[in-house]
Amino acid sequence: MKFAAIADVHGNRPALEAVLADIAALGIDETVNLGDHVSGPLEAARTADLLIQRGFPSIRGDQDRILLEIRQAGVSARSDFRQLEPRHFDWMASMPSTLMYRERVFLCHGSPKDDAAFWLDHIADDGSVRPAGIAAIEAGAAGIDAGLILCAHTHIPRVVRLRDGRMVVNPGSVGLPGYDGKVPVPYVVEVGTPHASYAILEQVRGGWSAMIRYVPYDTATMAALAQAKGMLTWASAIATGWVEREGT
């Protein structure tokens, strides 16, 4: 069993196209998608169209959930919301929040019980983002009967082997290698490369192997689009893998 895992495309269609081309070039026929498909200032509708066409086993991320909540509440001035058509919302609404893939792989977005959790990493009191401890990670995996657990949300690629032999993998982000946040304290995530990230998983003798793969693509158009829409952090992250903020 060998397949690819993508996550956190965030409306970056050129990055998605590059990753899908790379997956195809490697002869991998199966791909799963861990959510946060379209949110952000980029190409929400065009990205959704491509993902709908591919029909990957997919789950709903926290930003997908938020877009659906906005739709239920009414209209919004958000760029992504205004791009999307009813069929796009219906597509996201049809997704589960978690999924058992081929009876062997558990898919979630943040953690198995919280789609917005920093699971394999945590935000320290000083705002630094650090790897989480094994005890906290194992607590989040309690009750999950799968040898491989896939998560996303942080955009930070990570492979963790639990002490009972299970493996937890975050494939990183296809479309957004850096961002900032304010909760629980102000923080910044910076992957340090603008390349699109995804994971290749393979069941081998003795367990699972995981490879994080970084794919270059022409970042200029999406960085310029983010810049034009006033999203400086997105523009700098997409262009460089680092976050430039106002006043820095």
C-alpha atoms as a PDB file:
ATOM      1  CA  MET A   1       0.000   0.000   0.000  1.00  0.00           C
ATOM      2  CA  LYS A   2       1.505   3.280  -1.144  1.00  0.00           C
ATOM      3  CA  PHE A   3      -0.216   6.644  -1.404  1.00  0.00           C
ATOM      4  CA  ALA A   4       0.282  10.404  -1.128  1.00  0.00           C
ATOM      5  CA  ALA A   5      -1.159  12.773   1.450  1.00  0.00           C
ATOM      6  CA  ILE A   6      -1.790  16.452   0.769  1.00  0.00           C
ATOM      7  CA  ALA A   7      -3.114  19.123   3.109  1.00  0.00           C
ATOM      8  CA  ASP A   8      -3.625  22.836   3.581  1.00  0.00           C
ATOM      9  CA  VAL A   9      -3.810  23.829  -0.084  1.00  0.00           C
ATOM     10  CA  HIS A  10      -5.474  27.127   0.910  1.00  0.00           C
ATOM     11  CA  GLY A  11      -6.551  28.037  -2.596  1.00  0.00           C
ATOM     12  CA  ASN A  12      -3.061  27.898  -4.091  1.00  0.00           C
ATOM     13  CA  ARG A  13      -3.873  26.170  -7.373  1.00  0.00           C
ATOM     14  CA  PRO A  14      -0.392  26.440  -8.974  1.00  0.00           C
ATOM     15  CA  ALA A  15       1.136  24.750  -5.917  1.00  0.00           C
ATOM     16  CA  LEU A  16      -1.537  22.054  -6.048  1.00  0.00           C
ATOM     17  CA  GLU A  17      -0.944  21.479  -9.755  1.00  0.00           C
ATOM     18  CA  ALA A  18       2.792  21.090  -9.147  1.00  0.00           C
ATOM     19  CA  VAL A  19       2.241  18.578  -6.352  1.00  0.00           C
ATOM     20  CA  LEU A  20      -0.264  16.545  -8.355  1.00  0.00           C
ATOM     21  CA  ALA A  21       2.137  16.454 -11.298  1.00  0.00           C
ATOM     22  CA  ASP A  22       4.920  15.255  -8.994  1.00  0.00           C
ATOM     23  CA  ILE A  23       2.689  12.541  -7.540  1.00  0.00           C
ATOM     24  CA  ALA A  24       1.759  11.370 -11.035  1.00  0.00           C
ATOM     25  CA  ALA A  25       5.406  11.376 -12.176  1.00  0.00           C
ATOM     26  CA  LEU A  26       6.241   9.046  -9.277  1.00  0.00           C
ATOM     27  CA  GLY A  27       3.531   6.627 -10.376  1.00  0.00           C
ATOM     28  CA  ILE A  28       1.455   7.007  -7.222  1.00  0.00           C
ATOM     29  CA  ASP A  29      -2.211   6.329  -7.931  1.00  0.00           C
ATOM     30  CA  GLU A  30      -3.833   7.156  -4.582  1.00  0.00           C
ATOM     31  CA  THR A  31      -3.983  10.493  -2.758  1.00  0.00           C
ATOM     32  CA  VAL A  32      -5.813  11.637   0.357  1.00  0.00           C
ATOM     33  CA  ASN A  33      -6.543  15.250   1.277  1.00  0.00           C
ATOM     34  CA  LEU A  34      -6.497  16.431   4.898  1.00  0.00           C
ATOM     35  CA  GLY A  35      -8.455  19.660   4.577  1.00  0.00           C
ATOM     36  CA  ASP A  36      -8.266  23.458   4.490  1.00  0.00           C
ATOM     37  CA  HIS A  37      -8.740  23.319   0.750  1.00  0.00           C
ATOM     38  CA  VAL A  38      -9.613  26.856  -0.317  1.00  0.00           C
ATOM     39  CA  SER A  39      -9.512  29.422   2.498  1.00  0.00           C
ATOM     40  CA  GLY A  40      -7.491  32.576   1.931  1.00  0.00           C
ATOM     41  CA  PRO A  41      -7.041  35.358  -0.636  1.00  0.00           C
ATOM     42  CA  LEU A  42      -5.898  33.219  -3.573  1.00  0.00           C
ATOM     43  CA  GLU A  43      -7.884  31.078  -6.039  1.00  0.00           C
ATOM     44  CA  ALA A  44     -10.599  29.457  -3.953  1.00  0.00           C
ATOM     45  CA  ALA A  45     -13.001  28.489  -6.737  1.00  0.00           C
ATOM     46  CA  ARG A  46     -10.388  27.303  -9.236  1.00  0.00           C
ATOM     47  CA  THR A  47      -8.731  25.203  -6.545  1.00  0.00           C
ATOM     48  CA  ALA A  48     -12.040  23.700  -5.462  1.00  0.00           C
ATOM     49  CA  ASP A  49     -12.843  22.863  -9.088  1.00  0.00           C
ATOM     50  CA  LEU A  50      -9.611  20.907  -9.478  1.00  0.00           C
ATOM     51  CA  LEU A  51     -10.071  19.035  -6.212  1.00  0.00           C
ATOM     52  CA  ILE A  52     -13.684  18.206  -7.042  1.00  0.00           C
ATOM     53  CA  GLN A  53     -12.535  16.879 -10.402  1.00  0.00           C
ATOM     54  CA  ARG A  54      -9.930  14.620  -8.768  1.00  0.00           C
ATOM     55  CA  GLY A  55     -12.343  13.256  -6.163  1.00  0.00           C
ATOM     56  CA  PHE A  56      -9.742  12.379  -3.541  1.00  0.00           C
ATOM     57  CA  PRO A  57     -10.838  10.918  -0.197  1.00  0.00           C
ATOM     58  CA  SER A  58     -10.987  14.172   1.771  1.00  0.00           C
ATOM     59  CA  ILE A  59     -11.817  15.544   5.182  1.00  0.00           C
ATOM     60  CA  ARG A  60     -12.973  18.973   6.299  1.00  0.00           C
ATOM     61  CA  GLY A  61     -10.419  21.278   7.949  1.00  0.00           C
ATOM     62  CA  ASP A  62     -11.114  23.985  10.510  1.00  0.00           C
ATOM     63  CA  GLN A  63     -11.064  26.720   7.844  1.00  0.00           C
ATOM     64  CA  ASP A  64     -13.467  24.727   5.677  1.00  0.00           C
ATOM     65  CA  ARG A  65     -15.744  24.454   8.703  1.00  0.00           C
ATOM     66  CA  ILE A  66     -15.501  28.207   9.291  1.00  0.00           C
ATOM     67  CA  LEU A  67     -16.436  28.952   5.675  1.00  0.00           C
ATOM     68  CA  LEU A  68     -19.481  26.719   6.044  1.00  0.00           C
ATOM     69  CA  GLU A  69     -20.437  28.510   9.268  1.00  0.00           C
ATOM     70  CA  ILE A  70     -20.134  31.871   7.486  1.00  0.00           C
ATOM     71  CA  ARG A  71     -22.363  30.601   4.706  1.00  0.00           C
ATOM     72  CA  GLN A  72     -24.978  29.514   7.215  1.00  0.00           C
ATOM     73  CA  ALA A  73     -24.809  32.907   8.908  1.00  0.00           C
ATOM     74  CA  GLY A  74     -25.180  34.895   5.667  1.00  0.00           C
ATOM     75  CA  VAL A  75     -22.906  36.938   3.423  1.00  0.00           C
ATOM     76  CA  SER A  76     -19.280  37.891   3.928  1.00  0.00           C
ATOM     77  CA  ALA A  77     -16.789  40.262   2.324  1.00  0.00           C
ATOM     78  CA  ARG A  78     -14.053  37.619   2.500  1.00  0.00           C
ATOM     79  CA  SER A  79     -12.367  37.040  -0.856  1.00  0.00           C
ATOM     80  CA  ASP A  80     -12.579  33.251  -0.626  1.00  0.00           C
ATOM     81  CA  PHE A  81     -16.256  33.323   0.356  1.00  0.00           C
ATOM     82  CA  ARG A  82     -17.167  35.600  -2.539  1.00  0.00           C
ATOM     83  CA  GLN A  83     -15.397  33.344  -5.063  1.00  0.00           C
ATOM     84  CA  LEU A  84     -17.200  30.170  -4.050  1.00  0.00           C
ATOM     85  CA  GLU A  85     -20.441  28.928  -5.585  1.00  0.00           C
ATOM     86  CA  PRO A  86     -23.125  26.833  -3.849  1.00  0.00           C
ATOM     87  CA  ARG A  87     -21.686  23.637  -5.328  1.00  0.00           C
ATOM     88  CA  HIS A  88     -18.325  24.380  -3.719  1.00  0.00           C
ATOM     89  CA  PHE A  89     -19.920  24.790  -0.308  1.00  0.00           C
ATOM     90  CA  ASP A  90     -21.943  21.617  -0.831  1.00  0.00           C
ATOM     91  CA  TRP A  91     -18.715  19.770  -1.653  1.00  0.00           C
ATOM     92  CA  MET A  92     -17.084  20.881   1.601  1.00  0.00           C
ATOM     93  CA  ALA A  93     -20.227  20.163   3.603  1.00  0.00           C
ATOM     94  CA  SER A  94     -20.224  16.581   2.320  1.00  0.00           C
ATOM     95  CA  MET A  95     -16.855  15.835   3.919  1.00  0.00           C
ATOM     96  CA  PRO A  96     -16.440  14.206   7.327  1.00  0.00           C
ATOM     97  CA  SER A  97     -14.199  15.765   9.958  1.00  0.00           C
ATOM     98  CA  THR A  98     -12.241  12.490  10.263  1.00  0.00           C
ATOM     99  CA  LEU A  99     -11.996   9.411   8.094  1.00  0.00           C
ATOM    100  CA  MET A 100     -10.617   5.878   8.276  1.00  0.00           C
ATOM    101  CA  TYR A 101      -8.917   5.309   4.934  1.00  0.00           C
ATOM    102  CA  ARG A 102      -8.824   1.749   3.624  1.00  0.00           C
ATOM    103  CA  GLU A 103      -9.415   0.490   7.170  1.00  0.00           C
ATOM    104  CA  ARG A 104      -5.768   1.132   8.087  1.00  0.00           C
ATOM    105  CA  VAL A 105      -5.096   4.881   8.098  1.00  0.00           C
ATOM    106  CA  PHE A 106      -6.848   7.466  10.272  1.00  0.00           C
ATOM    107  CA  LEU A 107      -7.212  10.935   8.766  1.00  0.00           C
ATOM    108  CA  CYS A 108      -7.796  14.085  10.814  1.00  0.00           C
ATOM    109  CA  HIS A 109      -7.042  17.759  10.352  1.00  0.00           C
ATOM    110  CA  GLY A 110      -5.784  19.150  13.659  1.00  0.00           C
ATOM    111  CA  SER A 111      -6.013  16.174  16.002  1.00  0.00           C
ATOM    112  CA  PRO A 112      -8.470  13.281  16.190  1.00  0.00           C
ATOM    113  CA  LYS A 113     -10.785  15.283  18.473  1.00  0.00           C
ATOM    114  CA  ASP A 114     -10.090  18.923  17.528  1.00  0.00           C
ATOM    115  CA  ASP A 115      -9.800  20.226  13.967  1.00  0.00           C
ATOM    116  CA  ALA A 116      -7.967  23.364  15.165  1.00  0.00           C
ATOM    117  CA  ALA A 117      -5.440  21.710  17.484  1.00  0.00           C
ATOM    118  CA  PHE A 118      -1.682  22.094  17.280  1.00  0.00           C
ATOM    119  CA  TRP A 119      -0.969  18.430  17.921  1.00  0.00           C
ATOM    120  CA  LEU A 120       2.594  17.504  16.930  1.00  0.00           C
ATOM    121  CA  ASP A 121       3.727  21.029  17.790  1.00  0.00           C
ATOM    122  CA  HIS A 122       2.696  23.529  20.451  1.00  0.00           C
ATOM    123  CA  ILE A 123       2.799  27.275  20.928  1.00  0.00           C
ATOM    124  CA  ALA A 124       4.931  28.213  23.933  1.00  0.00           C
ATOM    125  CA  ASP A 125       4.180  31.129  26.236  1.00  0.00           C
ATOM    126  CA  ASP A 126       6.825  33.240  24.473  1.00  0.00           C
ATOM    127  CA  GLY A 127       5.161  32.675  21.091  1.00  0.00           C
ATOM    128  CA  SER A 128       7.721  30.207  19.788  1.00  0.00           C
ATOM    129  CA  VAL A 129       6.378  27.113  18.028  1.00  0.00           C
ATOM    130  CA  ARG A 130       8.051  23.947  19.282  1.00  0.00           C
ATOM    131  CA  PRO A 131       7.677  20.193  18.832  1.00  0.00           C
ATOM    132  CA  ALA A 132       5.187  18.739  21.292  1.00  0.00           C
ATOM    133  CA  GLY A 133       6.245  16.142  23.857  1.00  0.00           C
ATOM    134  CA  ILE A 134       5.575  12.469  23.270  1.00  0.00           C
ATOM    135  CA  ALA A 135       3.164  12.182  26.202  1.00  0.00           C
ATOM    136  CA  ALA A 136       0.910  14.925  24.840  1.00  0.00           C
ATOM    137  CA  ILE A 137       1.006  13.462  21.344  1.00  0.00           C
ATOM    138  CA  GLU A 138       0.156   9.987  22.610  1.00  0.00           C
ATOM    139  CA  ALA A 139      -2.735  11.367  24.648  1.00  0.00           C
ATOM    140  CA  GLY A 140      -4.183  12.819  21.454  1.00  0.00           C
ATOM    141  CA  ALA A 141      -3.893   9.438  19.731  1.00  0.00           C
ATOM    142  CA  ALA A 142      -5.677   7.510  22.490  1.00  0.00           C
ATOM    143  CA  GLY A 143      -8.323   5.158  21.163  1.00  0.00           C
ATOM    144  CA  ILE A 144      -7.276   5.424  17.500  1.00  0.00           C
ATOM    145  CA  ASP A 145      -6.947   1.889  16.157  1.00  0.00           C
ATOM    146  CA  ALA A 146      -4.695   2.549  13.174  1.00  0.00           C
ATOM    147  CA  GLY A 147      -1.023   1.994  12.562  1.00  0.00           C
ATOM    148  CA  LEU A 148      -0.781   5.280  10.680  1.00  0.00           C
ATOM    149  CA  ILE A 149      -2.446   8.548  11.672  1.00  0.00           C
ATOM    150  CA  LEU A 150      -2.309  11.574   9.388  1.00  0.00           C
ATOM    151  CA  CYS A 151      -2.891  15.126  10.600  1.00  0.00           C
ATOM    152  CA  ALA A 152      -2.399  18.637   9.249  1.00  0.00           C
ATOM    153  CA  HIS A 153      -3.360  22.201  10.312  1.00  0.00           C
ATOM    154  CA  THR A 154       0.008  23.517  11.542  1.00  0.00           C
ATOM    155  CA  HIS A 155       1.589  23.457   8.037  1.00  0.00           C
ATOM    156  CA  ILE A 156       4.734  22.054   9.695  1.00  0.00           C
ATOM    157  CA  PRO A 157       5.898  18.720   8.221  1.00  0.00           C
ATOM    158  CA  ARG A 158       6.508  16.224  10.986  1.00  0.00           C
ATOM    159  CA  VAL A 159       6.901  12.465  11.426  1.00  0.00           C
ATOM    160  CA  VAL A 160       6.450  11.037  14.928  1.00  0.00           C
ATOM    161  CA  ARG A 161       6.657   7.416  15.994  1.00  0.00           C
ATOM    162  CA  LEU A 162       4.629   6.658  19.102  1.00  0.00           C
ATOM    163  CA  ARG A 163       6.046   4.312  21.706  1.00  0.00           C
ATOM    164  CA  ASP A 164       3.509   1.624  20.789  1.00  0.00           C
ATOM    165  CA  GLY A 165       4.740   1.626  17.178  1.00  0.00           C
ATOM    166  CA  ARG A 166       2.031   3.746  15.586  1.00  0.00           C
ATOM    167  CA  MET A 167       3.183   6.580  13.352  1.00  0.00           C
ATOM    168  CA  VAL A 168       1.728  10.083  13.138  1.00  0.00           C
ATOM    169  CA  VAL A 169       2.564  12.184  10.074  1.00  0.00           C
ATOM    170  CA  ASN A 170       1.846  15.790   9.181  1.00  0.00           C
ATOM    171  CA  PRO A 171       2.599  16.284   5.456  1.00  0.00           C
ATOM    172  CA  GLY A 172       2.972  20.054   5.748  1.00  0.00           C
ATOM    173  CA  SER A 173       1.193  22.519   3.498  1.00  0.00           C
ATOM    174  CA  VAL A 174       0.782  22.434  -0.252  1.00  0.00           C
ATOM    175  CA  GLY A 175      -0.056  26.096  -0.542  1.00  0.00           C
ATOM    176  CA  LEU A 176       1.071  28.164   2.454  1.00  0.00           C
ATOM    177  CA  PRO A 177       4.486  27.618   4.101  1.00  0.00           C
ATOM    178  CA  GLY A 178       4.113  30.363   6.680  1.00  0.00           C
ATOM    179  CA  TYR A 179       1.558  32.456   8.557  1.00  0.00           C
ATOM    180  CA  ASP A 180       0.988  34.276  11.826  1.00  0.00           C
ATOM    181  CA  GLY A 181      -1.618  33.879  14.554  1.00  0.00           C
ATOM    182  CA  LYS A 182      -2.763  35.514  17.767  1.00  0.00           C
ATOM    183  CA  VAL A 183      -4.150  32.699  19.946  1.00  0.00           C
ATOM    184  CA  PRO A 184      -3.172  31.710  22.620  1.00  0.00           C
ATOM    185  CA  VAL A 185      -0.386  34.311  22.194  1.00  0.00           C
ATOM    186  CA  PRO A 186       1.007  35.991  19.055  1.00  0.00           C
ATOM    187  CA  TYR A 187       3.103  33.508  17.085  1.00  0.00           C
ATOM    188  CA  VAL A 188       4.596  32.880  13.649  1.00  0.00           C
ATOM    189  CA  VAL A 189       4.965  29.645  11.705  1.00  0.00           C
ATOM    190  CA  GLU A 190       7.732  29.681   9.087  1.00  0.00           C
ATOM    191  CA  VAL A 191       8.728  26.506   7.273  1.00  0.00           C
ATOM    192  CA  GLY A 192      11.701  28.191   5.621  1.00  0.00           C
ATOM    193  CA  THR A 193      11.118  27.107   2.027  1.00  0.00           C
ATOM    194  CA  PRO A 194       8.488  28.277  -0.459  1.00  0.00           C
ATOM    195  CA  HIS A 195       8.217  24.786  -1.957  1.00  0.00           C
ATOM    196  CA  ALA A 196       4.900  22.947  -1.816  1.00  0.00           C
ATOM    197  CA  SER A 197       5.002  20.104   0.695  1.00  0.00           C
ATOM    198  CA  TYR A 198       3.300  16.722   0.781  1.00  0.00           C
ATOM    199  CA  ALA A 199       3.961  13.208   2.098  1.00  0.00           C
ATOM    200  CA  ILE A 200       4.394   9.784   0.551  1.00  0.00           C
ATOM    201  CA  LEU A 201       3.335   6.913   2.803  1.00  0.00           C
ATOM    202  CA  GLU A 202       4.085   3.250   2.193  1.00  0.00           C
ATOM    203  CA  GLN A 203       3.266   0.175   4.218  1.00  0.00           C
ATOM    204  CA  VAL A 204       6.407  -1.919   4.472  1.00  0.00           C
ATOM    205  CA  ARG A 205       7.557  -4.881   6.476  1.00  0.00           C
ATOM    206  CA  GLY A 206       7.546  -3.817  10.100  1.00  0.00           C
ATOM    207  CA  GLY A 207       5.284  -0.785   9.746  1.00  0.00           C
ATOM    208  CA  TRP A 208       5.025   2.384   7.692  1.00  0.00           C
ATOM    209  CA  SER A 209       7.605   4.499   5.942  1.00  0.00           C
ATOM    210  CA  ALA A 210       7.053   8.205   5.422  1.00  0.00           C
ATOM    211  CA  MET A 211       8.780  10.684   3.147  1.00  0.00           C
ATOM    212  CA  ILE A 212       8.123  14.410   3.103  1.00  0.00           C
ATOM    213  CA  ARG A 213       8.577  15.756  -0.395  1.00  0.00           C
ATOM    214  CA  TYR A 214       9.103  19.415  -1.344  1.00  0.00           C
ATOM    215  CA  VAL A 215       8.081  20.523  -4.828  1.00  0.00           C
ATOM    216  CA  PRO A 216       9.224  23.805  -6.420  1.00  0.00           C
ATOM    217  CA  TYR A 217       6.782  25.822  -8.489  1.00  0.00           C
ATOM    218  CA  ASP A 218       6.425  29.370  -9.795  1.00  0.00           C
ATOM    219  CA  THR A 219       5.441  31.205  -6.625  1.00  0.00           C
ATOM    220  CA  ALA A 220       5.477  34.704  -8.114  1.00  0.00           C
ATOM    221  CA  THR A 221       1.871  34.827  -9.314  1.00  0.00           C
ATOM    222  CA  MET A 222       0.333  33.700  -6.037  1.00  0.00           C
ATOM    223  CA  ALA A 223       2.654  35.908  -3.973  1.00  0.00           C
ATOM    224  CA  ALA A 224       1.653  38.877  -6.131  1.00  0.00           C
ATOM    225  CA  LEU A 225      -2.034  38.016  -5.746  1.00  0.00           C
ATOM    226  CA  ALA A 226      -1.712  37.868  -1.970  1.00  0.00           C
ATOM    227  CA  GLN A 227       0.198  41.169  -2.003  1.00  0.00           C
ATOM    228  CA  ALA A 228      -2.482  42.824  -4.143  1.00  0.00           C
ATOM    229  CA  LYS A 229      -5.126  41.760  -1.646  1.00  0.00           C
ATOM    230  CA  GLY A 230      -3.199  43.240   1.264  1.00  0.00           C
ATOM    231  CA  MET A 231      -2.012  39.928   2.742  1.00  0.00           C
ATOM    232  CA  LEU A 232       1.655  40.720   3.381  1.00  0.00           C
ATOM    233  CA  THR A 233       2.287  37.676   5.550  1.00  0.00           C
ATOM    234  CA  TRP A 234       0.881  35.370   2.897  1.00  0.00           C
ATOM    235  CA  ALA A 235       2.812  37.105   0.129  1.00  0.00           C
ATOM    236  CA  SER A 236       6.153  36.811   1.883  1.00  0.00           C
ATOM    237  CA  ALA A 237       5.558  33.232   3.016  1.00  0.00           C
ATOM    238  CA  ILE A 238       4.545  32.062  -0.462  1.00  0.00           C
ATOM    239  CA  ALA A 239       7.508  33.847  -2.064  1.00  0.00           C
ATOM    240  CA  THR A 240      10.202  32.841   0.438  1.00  0.00           C
ATOM    241  CA  GLY A 241       8.949  30.439   3.105  1.00  0.00           C
ATOM    242  CA  TRP A 242       9.441  33.170   5.718  1.00  0.00           C
ATOM    243  CA  VAL A 243       6.962  35.636   7.157  1.00  0.00           C
ATOM    244  CA  GLU A 244       7.467  39.363   6.755  1.00  0.00           C
ATOM    245  CA  ARG A 245       5.243  41.427   9.032  1.00  0.00           C
ATOM    246  CA  GLU A 246       4.396  45.107   9.230  1.00  0.00           C
ATOM    247  CA  GLY A 247       7.209  46.981  10.935  1.00  0.00           C
ATOM    248  CA  THR A 248       9.855  44.273  10.356  1.00  0.00           C
END
